[in-house]
Amino acid sequence: MQANNDNQQTTIIGGNLTDALNGRYQLSLGDVFKQTFDLTRKHWVPLFLGFIAFMGILLIISLVALSILPASWVEQFADPEQQIAAQALVFLSILGAAVGAPFWGGLILMGIRHSVDIPSKATDMFNGFRKAGPLIATLVATSLLTQVSILLLTELHWLLGVLAQIYLTVAFAFALPLVIERDVSPLNAIFYSVRIVNYKLPIYIILLFAISGLLIISSLLFFIPLIYVVPLIFNLCGVVYKDVVGVSIRLDDQQIKDNDNGPWQA
């Protein structure tokens, strides 16, 4: 436990960042899923409401963006038989990343707090705006790297593009959480994320396939299961982050005197 200057003490619950960066961590899929289901039963409502609000905001912004895009691009999106230009895909990916990064950061932070059983409310999705700049820089950089890599490798063989999509999706998984929870700089967060994931790459690929499977099943059931699946995914991210990197918890003096009876702060 470490003390800081505002009469609070900070402790880390779960893993350790230094150990994670050196591959000295264990990740049990069975334990991760058990924790995730238990926490989601308690903390699914705020995440679902926050996600729905985010989707509504994103829809409005998308409609505005389409109104200012070049007419040739809009025609491509409107006609499913036309091949969408690569530059249009990259532009939309970067735009979506820039707009959505603070919201994703807020939702991820909610999942991280849930991993240590700290309650949240739907409006906490706006907490990502406190670090909007670093979050936007991180998501724009990872999105650009991903899209460019996929486009280039797909030119060589479509399977290489698919493999690049899978690898980069899991490789960058810790970047936003490290920025929002540990205040790590964007470049360091991306580097740390790739390093951490590479030590246990098969486990993270299994987790990605599990999430993809849940989304596919939800689509086959008219997306109704998303009411539960969306919060579960964010809580899963929070549990994995806690077990691997650890979550910093701040306890004020009164909470310490009360033997931690009061709510924790993250």
Protein backbone atom coordinates (compact mmCIF):
# COMPACT_ATOMS: atom_id res chain seq x y z
CA MET A 1 0.00 0.00 0.00
CA GLN A 2 1.30 3.44 -0.96
CA ALA A 3 0.44 6.86 0.49
CA ASN A 4 -0.17 9.99 -1.57
CA ASN A 5 -0.43 13.68 -0.75
CA ASP A 6 -4.19 14.09 -0.27
CA ASN A 7 -4.63 11.97 2.88
CA GLN A 8 -5.42 8.91 0.80
CA GLN A 9 -3.65 5.60 0.50
CA THR A 10 -3.42 3.67 -2.73
CA THR A 11 -3.27 -0.09 -3.06
CA ILE A 12 -3.36 -2.41 -6.05
CA ILE A 13 -5.99 -5.14 -6.25
CA GLY A 14 -5.18 -8.09 -8.52
CA GLY A 15 -2.14 -8.26 -10.77
CA ASN A 16 0.98 -6.16 -11.10
CA LEU A 17 1.97 -4.07 -14.14
CA THR A 18 5.69 -4.72 -13.77
CA ASP A 19 5.15 -8.46 -13.55
CA ALA A 20 2.73 -8.35 -16.50
CA LEU A 21 5.32 -6.56 -18.65
CA ASN A 22 7.74 -9.39 -17.92
CA GLY A 23 5.24 -12.18 -18.52
CA ARG A 24 5.07 -13.16 -14.84
CA TYR A 25 1.32 -13.57 -14.59
CA GLN A 26 -1.29 -16.29 -14.78
CA LEU A 27 -4.72 -16.00 -16.39
CA SER A 28 -7.25 -18.74 -15.70
CA LEU A 29 -10.08 -18.69 -18.22
CA GLY A 30 -12.38 -20.59 -15.89
CA ASP A 31 -11.83 -18.12 -13.05
CA VAL A 32 -12.13 -15.15 -15.41
CA PHE A 33 -15.52 -16.27 -16.73
CA LYS A 34 -16.79 -17.13 -13.25
CA GLN A 35 -15.87 -13.67 -11.95
CA THR A 36 -17.37 -12.05 -15.04
CA PHE A 37 -20.76 -13.79 -14.76
CA ASP A 38 -20.95 -13.10 -11.02
CA LEU A 39 -20.15 -9.40 -11.48
CA THR A 40 -22.45 -8.97 -14.47
CA ARG A 41 -25.41 -10.19 -12.46
CA LYS A 42 -24.78 -7.31 -10.06
CA HIS A 43 -23.55 -4.59 -12.40
CA TRP A 44 -25.18 -4.96 -15.83
CA VAL A 45 -27.75 -2.14 -15.81
CA PRO A 46 -25.41 0.91 -15.77
CA LEU A 47 -23.20 -0.51 -18.50
CA PHE A 48 -26.14 -1.38 -20.74
CA LEU A 49 -27.77 2.04 -20.31
CA GLY A 50 -24.45 3.77 -20.87
CA PHE A 51 -23.79 1.75 -24.03
CA ILE A 52 -27.27 2.50 -25.42
CA ALA A 53 -26.72 6.22 -24.82
CA PHE A 54 -23.33 6.00 -26.53
CA MET A 55 -24.85 4.25 -29.57
CA GLY A 56 -27.49 6.98 -29.81
CA ILE A 57 -24.85 9.70 -29.72
CA LEU A 58 -22.73 7.83 -32.27
CA LEU A 59 -25.72 7.49 -34.60
CA ILE A 60 -26.37 11.22 -34.52
CA ILE A 61 -22.71 12.00 -35.18
CA SER A 62 -22.63 9.47 -38.04
CA LEU A 63 -25.62 11.12 -39.72
CA VAL A 64 -23.91 14.49 -39.45
CA ALA A 65 -20.67 13.05 -40.84
CA LEU A 66 -22.48 11.52 -43.83
CA SER A 67 -23.97 14.90 -44.61
CA ILE A 68 -20.50 16.46 -45.00
CA LEU A 69 -18.71 13.54 -46.73
CA PRO A 70 -17.94 13.78 -50.45
CA ALA A 71 -20.94 12.74 -52.55
CA SER A 72 -18.98 9.92 -54.20
CA TRP A 73 -18.34 8.31 -50.81
CA VAL A 74 -21.97 8.59 -49.76
CA GLU A 75 -23.05 6.92 -52.99
CA GLN A 76 -20.71 4.03 -52.27
CA PHE A 77 -22.22 3.51 -48.82
CA ALA A 78 -25.74 3.72 -50.20
CA ASP A 79 -25.11 1.16 -52.95
CA PRO A 80 -24.08 -2.23 -51.47
CA GLU A 81 -22.94 -3.43 -54.89
CA GLN A 82 -20.22 -0.81 -55.08
CA GLN A 83 -16.82 -1.44 -53.53
CA ILE A 84 -16.10 1.11 -50.83
CA ALA A 85 -12.86 2.97 -51.42
CA ALA A 86 -9.97 2.16 -49.09
CA GLN A 87 -9.51 5.82 -48.19
CA ALA A 88 -13.17 6.05 -47.20
CA LEU A 89 -12.82 3.05 -44.87
CA VAL A 90 -9.67 4.46 -43.27
CA PHE A 91 -11.29 7.88 -42.87
CA LEU A 92 -14.39 6.45 -41.21
CA SER A 93 -12.29 4.26 -38.94
CA ILE A 94 -10.24 7.23 -37.76
CA LEU A 95 -13.34 9.41 -37.37
CA GLY A 96 -15.12 6.72 -35.37
CA ALA A 97 -12.06 6.26 -33.17
CA ALA A 98 -11.71 9.99 -32.50
CA VAL A 99 -15.38 10.42 -31.65
CA GLY A 100 -15.84 7.24 -29.68
CA ALA A 101 -12.57 7.06 -27.73
CA PRO A 102 -13.73 9.02 -24.63
CA PHE A 103 -16.94 6.98 -24.46
CA TRP A 104 -15.08 3.68 -24.85
CA GLY A 105 -12.69 4.82 -22.14
CA GLY A 106 -15.58 5.60 -19.79
CA LEU A 107 -17.29 2.25 -20.43
CA ILE A 108 -14.02 0.35 -19.98
CA LEU A 109 -13.39 2.17 -16.70
CA MET A 110 -16.84 1.12 -15.51
CA GLY A 111 -15.94 -2.51 -16.23
CA ILE A 112 -12.64 -2.10 -14.38
CA ARG A 113 -14.42 -0.67 -11.34
CA HIS A 114 -16.93 -3.51 -11.42
CA SER A 115 -14.04 -5.99 -11.36
CA VAL A 116 -13.29 -4.86 -7.79
CA ASP A 117 -17.03 -4.65 -7.00
CA ILE A 118 -17.29 -0.85 -7.10
CA PRO A 119 -20.77 0.17 -8.28
CA SER A 120 -21.26 2.63 -11.13
CA LYS A 121 -23.99 4.62 -12.84
CA ALA A 122 -24.76 5.09 -16.52
CA THR A 123 -23.40 8.66 -16.59
CA ASP A 124 -19.96 7.32 -15.65
CA MET A 125 -19.47 6.63 -19.37
CA PHE A 126 -18.63 10.36 -19.65
CA ASN A 127 -15.67 9.95 -17.25
CA GLY A 128 -13.48 9.18 -20.23
CA PHE A 129 -13.62 12.84 -21.24
CA ARG A 130 -11.26 13.61 -18.35
CA LYS A 131 -8.54 11.97 -20.47
CA ALA A 132 -10.09 12.57 -23.88
CA GLY A 133 -6.84 13.64 -25.57
CA PRO A 134 -4.75 10.58 -24.66
CA LEU A 135 -7.70 8.24 -25.31
CA ILE A 136 -8.32 9.72 -28.76
CA ALA A 137 -4.61 9.58 -29.63
CA THR A 138 -4.42 5.95 -28.52
CA LEU A 139 -7.52 4.74 -30.36
CA VAL A 140 -6.75 6.71 -33.53
CA ALA A 141 -3.20 5.30 -33.60
CA THR A 142 -4.29 1.69 -33.03
CA SER A 143 -7.17 2.00 -35.51
CA LEU A 144 -4.88 3.45 -38.17
CA LEU A 145 -2.25 0.76 -37.62
CA THR A 146 -4.91 -1.93 -37.78
CA GLN A 147 -6.66 -0.67 -40.90
CA VAL A 148 -3.46 -0.01 -42.85
CA SER A 149 -2.02 -3.41 -41.88
CA ILE A 150 -5.20 -5.20 -42.94
CA LEU A 151 -5.38 -3.37 -46.26
CA LEU A 152 -1.74 -4.05 -47.11
CA LEU A 153 -1.76 -7.70 -46.06
CA THR A 154 -5.08 -8.39 -47.77
CA GLU A 155 -3.43 -7.35 -51.04
CA LEU A 156 -1.02 -10.25 -50.56
CA HIS A 157 -3.64 -12.78 -49.39
CA TRP A 158 -7.04 -12.45 -47.78
CA LEU A 159 -6.04 -14.86 -44.99
CA LEU A 160 -3.16 -12.59 -43.97
CA GLY A 161 -5.66 -9.77 -43.58
CA VAL A 162 -7.85 -11.91 -41.33
CA LEU A 163 -4.88 -12.97 -39.20
CA ALA A 164 -3.78 -9.35 -38.90
CA GLN A 165 -7.27 -8.36 -37.74
CA ILE A 166 -7.28 -11.07 -35.08
CA TYR A 167 -3.77 -10.38 -33.82
CA LEU A 168 -3.98 -6.59 -33.68
CA THR A 169 -7.40 -6.68 -32.01
CA VAL A 170 -6.00 -8.63 -29.06
CA ALA A 171 -2.56 -7.01 -29.13
CA PHE A 172 -4.00 -3.54 -28.50
CA ALA A 173 -6.58 -4.72 -25.94
CA PHE A 174 -4.83 -3.23 -22.91
CA ALA A 175 -4.01 0.14 -24.50
CA LEU A 176 -7.18 2.07 -23.62
CA PRO A 177 -7.50 0.53 -20.12
CA LEU A 178 -3.91 1.52 -19.31
CA VAL A 179 -4.56 5.09 -20.43
CA ILE A 180 -7.84 5.53 -18.54
CA GLU A 181 -6.93 3.62 -15.36
CA ARG A 182 -3.17 4.13 -14.98
CA ASP A 183 -2.72 7.39 -16.92
CA VAL A 184 -0.07 5.77 -19.14
CA SER A 185 0.90 7.79 -22.21
CA PRO A 186 -0.58 6.63 -25.55
CA LEU A 187 2.67 5.31 -27.05
CA ASN A 188 3.67 3.51 -23.86
CA ALA A 189 0.15 2.09 -23.46
CA ILE A 190 0.28 0.62 -26.97
CA PHE A 191 3.77 -0.80 -26.41
CA TYR A 192 2.84 -2.21 -22.98
CA SER A 193 -0.32 -3.78 -24.38
CA VAL A 194 1.48 -5.58 -27.21
CA ARG A 195 4.17 -6.80 -24.83
CA ILE A 196 1.71 -8.08 -22.22
CA VAL A 197 -0.50 -9.87 -24.75
CA ASN A 198 2.36 -11.57 -26.61
CA TYR A 199 3.29 -13.57 -23.50
CA LYS A 200 -0.13 -15.30 -23.41
CA LEU A 201 -1.36 -14.76 -26.97
CA PRO A 202 -3.41 -18.01 -27.31
CA ILE A 203 -5.47 -17.15 -24.21
CA TYR A 204 -6.41 -13.73 -25.56
CA ILE A 205 -7.34 -15.20 -28.94
CA ILE A 206 -9.64 -17.65 -27.15
CA LEU A 207 -11.24 -14.74 -25.30
CA LEU A 208 -11.70 -12.88 -28.59
CA PHE A 209 -13.38 -15.90 -30.17
CA ALA A 210 -15.62 -16.26 -27.10
CA ILE A 211 -16.72 -12.63 -27.38
CA SER A 212 -17.25 -12.98 -31.13
CA GLY A 213 -19.32 -16.10 -30.54
CA LEU A 214 -21.55 -14.30 -28.06
CA LEU A 215 -22.10 -11.47 -30.54
CA ILE A 216 -22.92 -13.91 -33.36
CA ILE A 217 -25.41 -15.78 -31.18
CA SER A 218 -26.98 -12.45 -30.18
CA SER A 219 -27.39 -11.47 -33.83
CA LEU A 220 -29.14 -14.78 -34.56
CA LEU A 221 -31.55 -14.07 -31.70
CA PHE A 222 -32.50 -10.60 -33.01
CA PHE A 223 -29.86 -8.92 -30.78
CA ILE A 224 -32.04 -9.37 -27.68
CA PRO A 225 -29.22 -11.09 -25.69
CA LEU A 226 -27.12 -7.92 -26.10
CA ILE A 227 -28.98 -6.58 -23.08
CA TYR A 228 -26.79 -8.92 -21.05
CA VAL A 229 -23.92 -9.64 -23.44
CA VAL A 230 -22.74 -6.02 -23.81
CA PRO A 231 -22.27 -5.47 -20.05
CA LEU A 232 -20.70 -8.92 -19.81
CA ILE A 233 -18.07 -8.00 -22.41
CA PHE A 234 -17.05 -4.81 -20.61
CA ASN A 235 -16.97 -6.63 -17.27
CA LEU A 236 -14.87 -9.38 -18.86
CA CYS A 237 -12.37 -6.75 -20.00
CA GLY A 238 -12.33 -5.34 -16.47
CA VAL A 239 -11.74 -8.74 -14.85
CA VAL A 240 -8.90 -9.61 -17.25
CA TYR A 241 -7.33 -6.20 -16.66
CA LYS A 242 -7.58 -6.63 -12.88
CA ASP A 243 -6.06 -10.11 -12.90
CA VAL A 244 -3.21 -9.14 -15.21
CA VAL A 245 -2.36 -5.49 -14.47
CA GLY A 246 -4.20 -4.81 -11.21
CA VAL A 247 -6.62 -2.03 -10.29
CA SER A 248 -5.48 0.93 -8.18
CA ILE A 249 -7.77 1.60 -5.23
CA ARG A 250 -7.74 4.79 -3.13
CA LEU A 251 -8.84 4.64 0.50
CA ASP A 252 -9.22 7.83 2.51
CA ASP A 253 -8.31 7.99 6.20
CA GLN A 254 -11.88 7.51 7.43
CA GLN A 255 -12.34 4.39 5.33
CA ILE A 256 -9.14 2.94 6.72
CA LYS A 257 -10.28 3.65 10.30
CA ASP A 258 -13.61 2.00 9.53
CA ASN A 259 -11.77 -1.15 8.43
CA ASP A 260 -12.79 -0.60 4.80
CA ASN A 261 -16.52 -0.57 5.53
CA GLY A 262 -17.05 2.42 3.25
CA PRO A 263 -17.09 2.21 -0.54
CA TRP A 264 -13.79 2.06 -2.35
CA GLN A 265 -12.78 4.65 -4.88
CA ALA A 266 -11.03 3.85 -8.13
